[in-house]
């Protein structure tokens, strides 16, 4: 499990976009993996099995009432003006918008997930299909559309 902790943490972060929450969810995922280790079938690789558990756990969390409540509170707090905070955030935001990783994080989750798994974790289309339980051709289409969205976003920033 130590081999995958950083990768899983990053995957979880792509879903929740909050470091502390991502760390908590990563711990929950590894506990779940440990509890369900007896259900692991040797036909799949341990890597794809762990990613599948992580992906499903994150999807459940994002659908949860708790997560939606947190997101709503964040949106409300963003409307409260603070001049020093706004200047600092504008500088940070500008810097982040120039990076490719920010553009990836801005993608819709279905595209962000496949981009992360394919380009950052170097999983094949077949492995991503296994992890996400989505047809391989759909994965290819999502990768293509994600690249188009990223290209458009990066061109607008230039």
Protein backbone atom coordinates (compact mmCIF):
# COMPACT_ATOMS: atom_id res chain seq x y z
CA UNK A 1 0.00 0.00 0.00
CA UNK A 2 2.95 2.34 0.60
CA UNK A 3 3.72 2.06 -3.10
CA UNK A 4 0.41 3.71 -3.98
CA UNK A 5 -0.17 6.19 -1.14
CA UNK A 6 1.04 9.31 -3.00
CA UNK A 7 -0.73 8.31 -6.20
CA UNK A 8 -3.99 7.62 -4.40
CA UNK A 9 -3.69 10.88 -2.48
CA UNK A 10 -3.28 12.78 -5.73
CA UNK A 11 -6.21 10.94 -7.33
CA UNK A 12 -8.41 11.77 -4.35
CA UNK A 13 -7.25 15.40 -4.49
CA UNK A 14 -8.44 15.62 -8.11
CA UNK A 15 -11.93 14.81 -6.84
CA UNK A 16 -12.15 16.94 -3.70
CA UNK A 17 -9.59 19.73 -4.36
CA UNK A 18 -8.76 19.98 -0.66
CA UNK A 19 -5.54 18.55 0.79
CA UNK A 20 -6.84 17.78 4.30
CA UNK A 21 -9.98 16.09 2.99
CA UNK A 22 -7.91 14.17 0.44
CA UNK A 23 -5.64 12.87 3.21
CA UNK A 24 -8.63 11.77 5.30
CA UNK A 25 -10.26 10.02 2.36
CA UNK A 26 -6.97 8.34 1.43
CA UNK A 27 -6.76 6.85 4.91
CA UNK A 28 -10.34 5.64 4.63
CA UNK A 29 -9.54 4.08 1.25
CA UNK A 30 -6.55 2.15 2.60
CA UNK A 31 -8.60 0.94 5.56
CA UNK A 32 -11.26 -0.23 3.12
CA UNK A 33 -8.60 -1.98 1.01
CA UNK A 34 -7.24 -3.74 4.08
CA UNK A 35 -10.72 -4.84 5.16
CA UNK A 36 -11.54 -6.16 1.69
CA UNK A 37 -8.15 -7.72 0.93
CA UNK A 38 -9.71 -11.19 1.08
CA UNK A 39 -12.01 -10.17 -1.81
CA UNK A 40 -9.11 -9.29 -4.11
CA UNK A 41 -9.04 -11.67 -7.05
CA UNK A 42 -5.66 -12.39 -8.55
CA UNK A 43 -6.91 -11.78 -12.11
CA UNK A 44 -6.53 -8.02 -11.74
CA UNK A 45 -3.43 -6.17 -10.63
CA UNK A 46 -3.36 -4.84 -7.09
CA UNK A 47 -2.82 -1.36 -8.54
CA UNK A 48 -6.04 -1.33 -10.54
CA UNK A 49 -7.94 -2.89 -7.63
CA UNK A 50 -6.79 -0.13 -5.25
CA UNK A 51 -7.57 2.55 -7.85
CA UNK A 52 -11.05 1.12 -8.36
CA UNK A 53 -11.75 1.24 -4.62
CA UNK A 54 -10.36 4.78 -4.46
CA UNK A 55 -12.37 5.95 -7.44
CA UNK A 56 -15.61 4.50 -6.09
CA UNK A 57 -14.98 5.89 -2.61
CA UNK A 58 -14.36 9.36 -4.04
CA UNK A 59 -17.48 9.22 -6.19
CA UNK A 60 -19.53 8.24 -3.14
CA UNK A 61 -18.02 11.11 -1.16
CA UNK A 62 -18.66 13.68 -3.90
CA UNK A 63 -22.30 12.54 -4.09
CA UNK A 64 -22.72 12.77 -0.33
CA UNK A 65 -24.75 15.43 1.42
CA UNK A 66 -21.76 16.32 3.61
CA UNK A 67 -19.60 17.20 0.60
CA UNK A 68 -22.32 19.31 -1.00
CA UNK A 69 -22.79 21.21 2.26
CA UNK A 70 -19.04 21.96 2.43
CA UNK A 71 -19.00 23.15 -1.20
CA UNK A 72 -21.99 25.42 -0.57
CA UNK A 73 -20.28 26.93 2.48
CA UNK A 74 -17.11 27.56 0.44
CA UNK A 75 -19.11 29.34 -2.26
CA UNK A 76 -20.84 31.54 0.32
CA UNK A 77 -17.49 32.41 1.94
CA UNK A 78 -16.05 33.37 -1.45
CA UNK A 79 -18.65 36.13 -1.76
CA UNK A 80 -17.52 37.82 1.46
CA UNK A 81 -15.07 40.52 0.34
CA UNK A 82 -11.65 40.98 1.91
CA UNK A 83 -9.27 43.33 0.11
CA UNK A 84 -5.98 41.84 1.30
CA UNK A 85 -7.27 38.34 0.71
CA UNK A 86 -8.50 39.27 -2.77
CA UNK A 87 -5.13 40.68 -3.85
CA UNK A 88 -3.29 37.64 -2.54
CA UNK A 89 -5.77 35.26 -4.15
CA UNK A 90 -5.55 37.08 -7.48
CA UNK A 91 -1.77 36.68 -7.55
CA UNK A 92 -1.99 33.02 -6.59
CA UNK A 93 -4.86 32.42 -9.00
CA UNK A 94 -2.98 33.99 -11.92
CA UNK A 95 0.05 31.84 -11.23
CA UNK A 96 -2.06 28.68 -10.98
CA UNK A 97 -4.00 29.43 -14.16
CA UNK A 98 -0.74 29.44 -16.10
CA UNK A 99 0.03 25.86 -15.21
CA UNK A 100 -1.22 22.77 -16.93
CA UNK A 101 -2.09 21.07 -13.67
CA UNK A 102 -4.58 23.82 -12.90
CA UNK A 103 -6.16 23.36 -16.30
CA UNK A 104 -6.49 19.64 -15.65
CA UNK A 105 -8.10 20.29 -12.29
CA UNK A 106 -10.63 22.56 -13.97
CA UNK A 107 -11.84 19.79 -16.23
CA UNK A 108 -15.14 18.07 -15.44
CA UNK A 109 -14.55 15.06 -13.21
CA UNK A 110 -15.17 12.49 -15.94
CA UNK A 111 -12.35 13.99 -18.02
CA UNK A 112 -10.09 14.82 -15.08
CA UNK A 113 -10.26 11.24 -13.84
CA UNK A 114 -9.15 9.67 -17.12
CA UNK A 115 -6.44 12.29 -17.72
CA UNK A 116 -5.03 11.69 -14.25
CA UNK A 117 -5.11 7.90 -14.55
CA UNK A 118 -3.69 7.84 -18.08
CA UNK A 119 -1.05 10.58 -18.01
CA UNK A 120 -0.09 10.85 -14.35
CA UNK A 121 -0.47 7.23 -13.28
CA UNK A 122 0.34 5.79 -16.72
CA UNK A 123 -2.53 3.32 -16.76
CA UNK A 124 -3.55 1.89 -20.10
CA UNK A 125 -7.01 2.48 -21.53
CA UNK A 126 -7.93 -1.11 -20.62
CA UNK A 127 -6.77 -0.61 -17.03
CA UNK A 128 -8.72 2.65 -16.75
CA UNK A 129 -11.76 0.86 -18.13
CA UNK A 130 -11.35 -1.79 -15.45
CA UNK A 131 -10.94 0.78 -12.66
CA UNK A 132 -13.86 2.99 -13.69
CA UNK A 133 -16.13 0.27 -15.15
CA UNK A 134 -16.53 2.43 -18.24
CA UNK A 135 -16.21 1.04 -21.77
CA UNK A 136 -12.71 1.36 -23.28
CA UNK A 137 -14.03 3.29 -26.29
CA UNK A 138 -15.70 5.76 -23.93
CA UNK A 139 -12.35 6.17 -22.15
CA UNK A 140 -10.67 6.94 -25.49
CA UNK A 141 -13.38 9.49 -26.31
CA UNK A 142 -13.03 11.14 -22.91
CA UNK A 143 -9.26 11.36 -23.33
CA UNK A 144 -9.69 12.95 -26.75
CA UNK A 145 -12.26 15.46 -25.49
CA UNK A 146 -10.15 16.26 -22.44
CA UNK A 147 -7.18 17.03 -24.70
CA UNK A 148 -9.39 19.29 -26.82
CA UNK A 149 -10.68 21.11 -23.72
CA UNK A 150 -7.15 21.52 -22.39
CA UNK A 151 -5.88 22.78 -25.73
CA UNK A 152 -8.71 25.33 -25.94
CA UNK A 153 -8.17 26.45 -22.35
CA UNK A 154 -4.41 26.82 -22.80
CA UNK A 155 -4.85 28.72 -26.09
CA UNK A 156 -7.21 31.19 -24.40
CA UNK A 157 -4.66 31.84 -21.66
CA UNK A 158 -1.92 32.66 -24.16
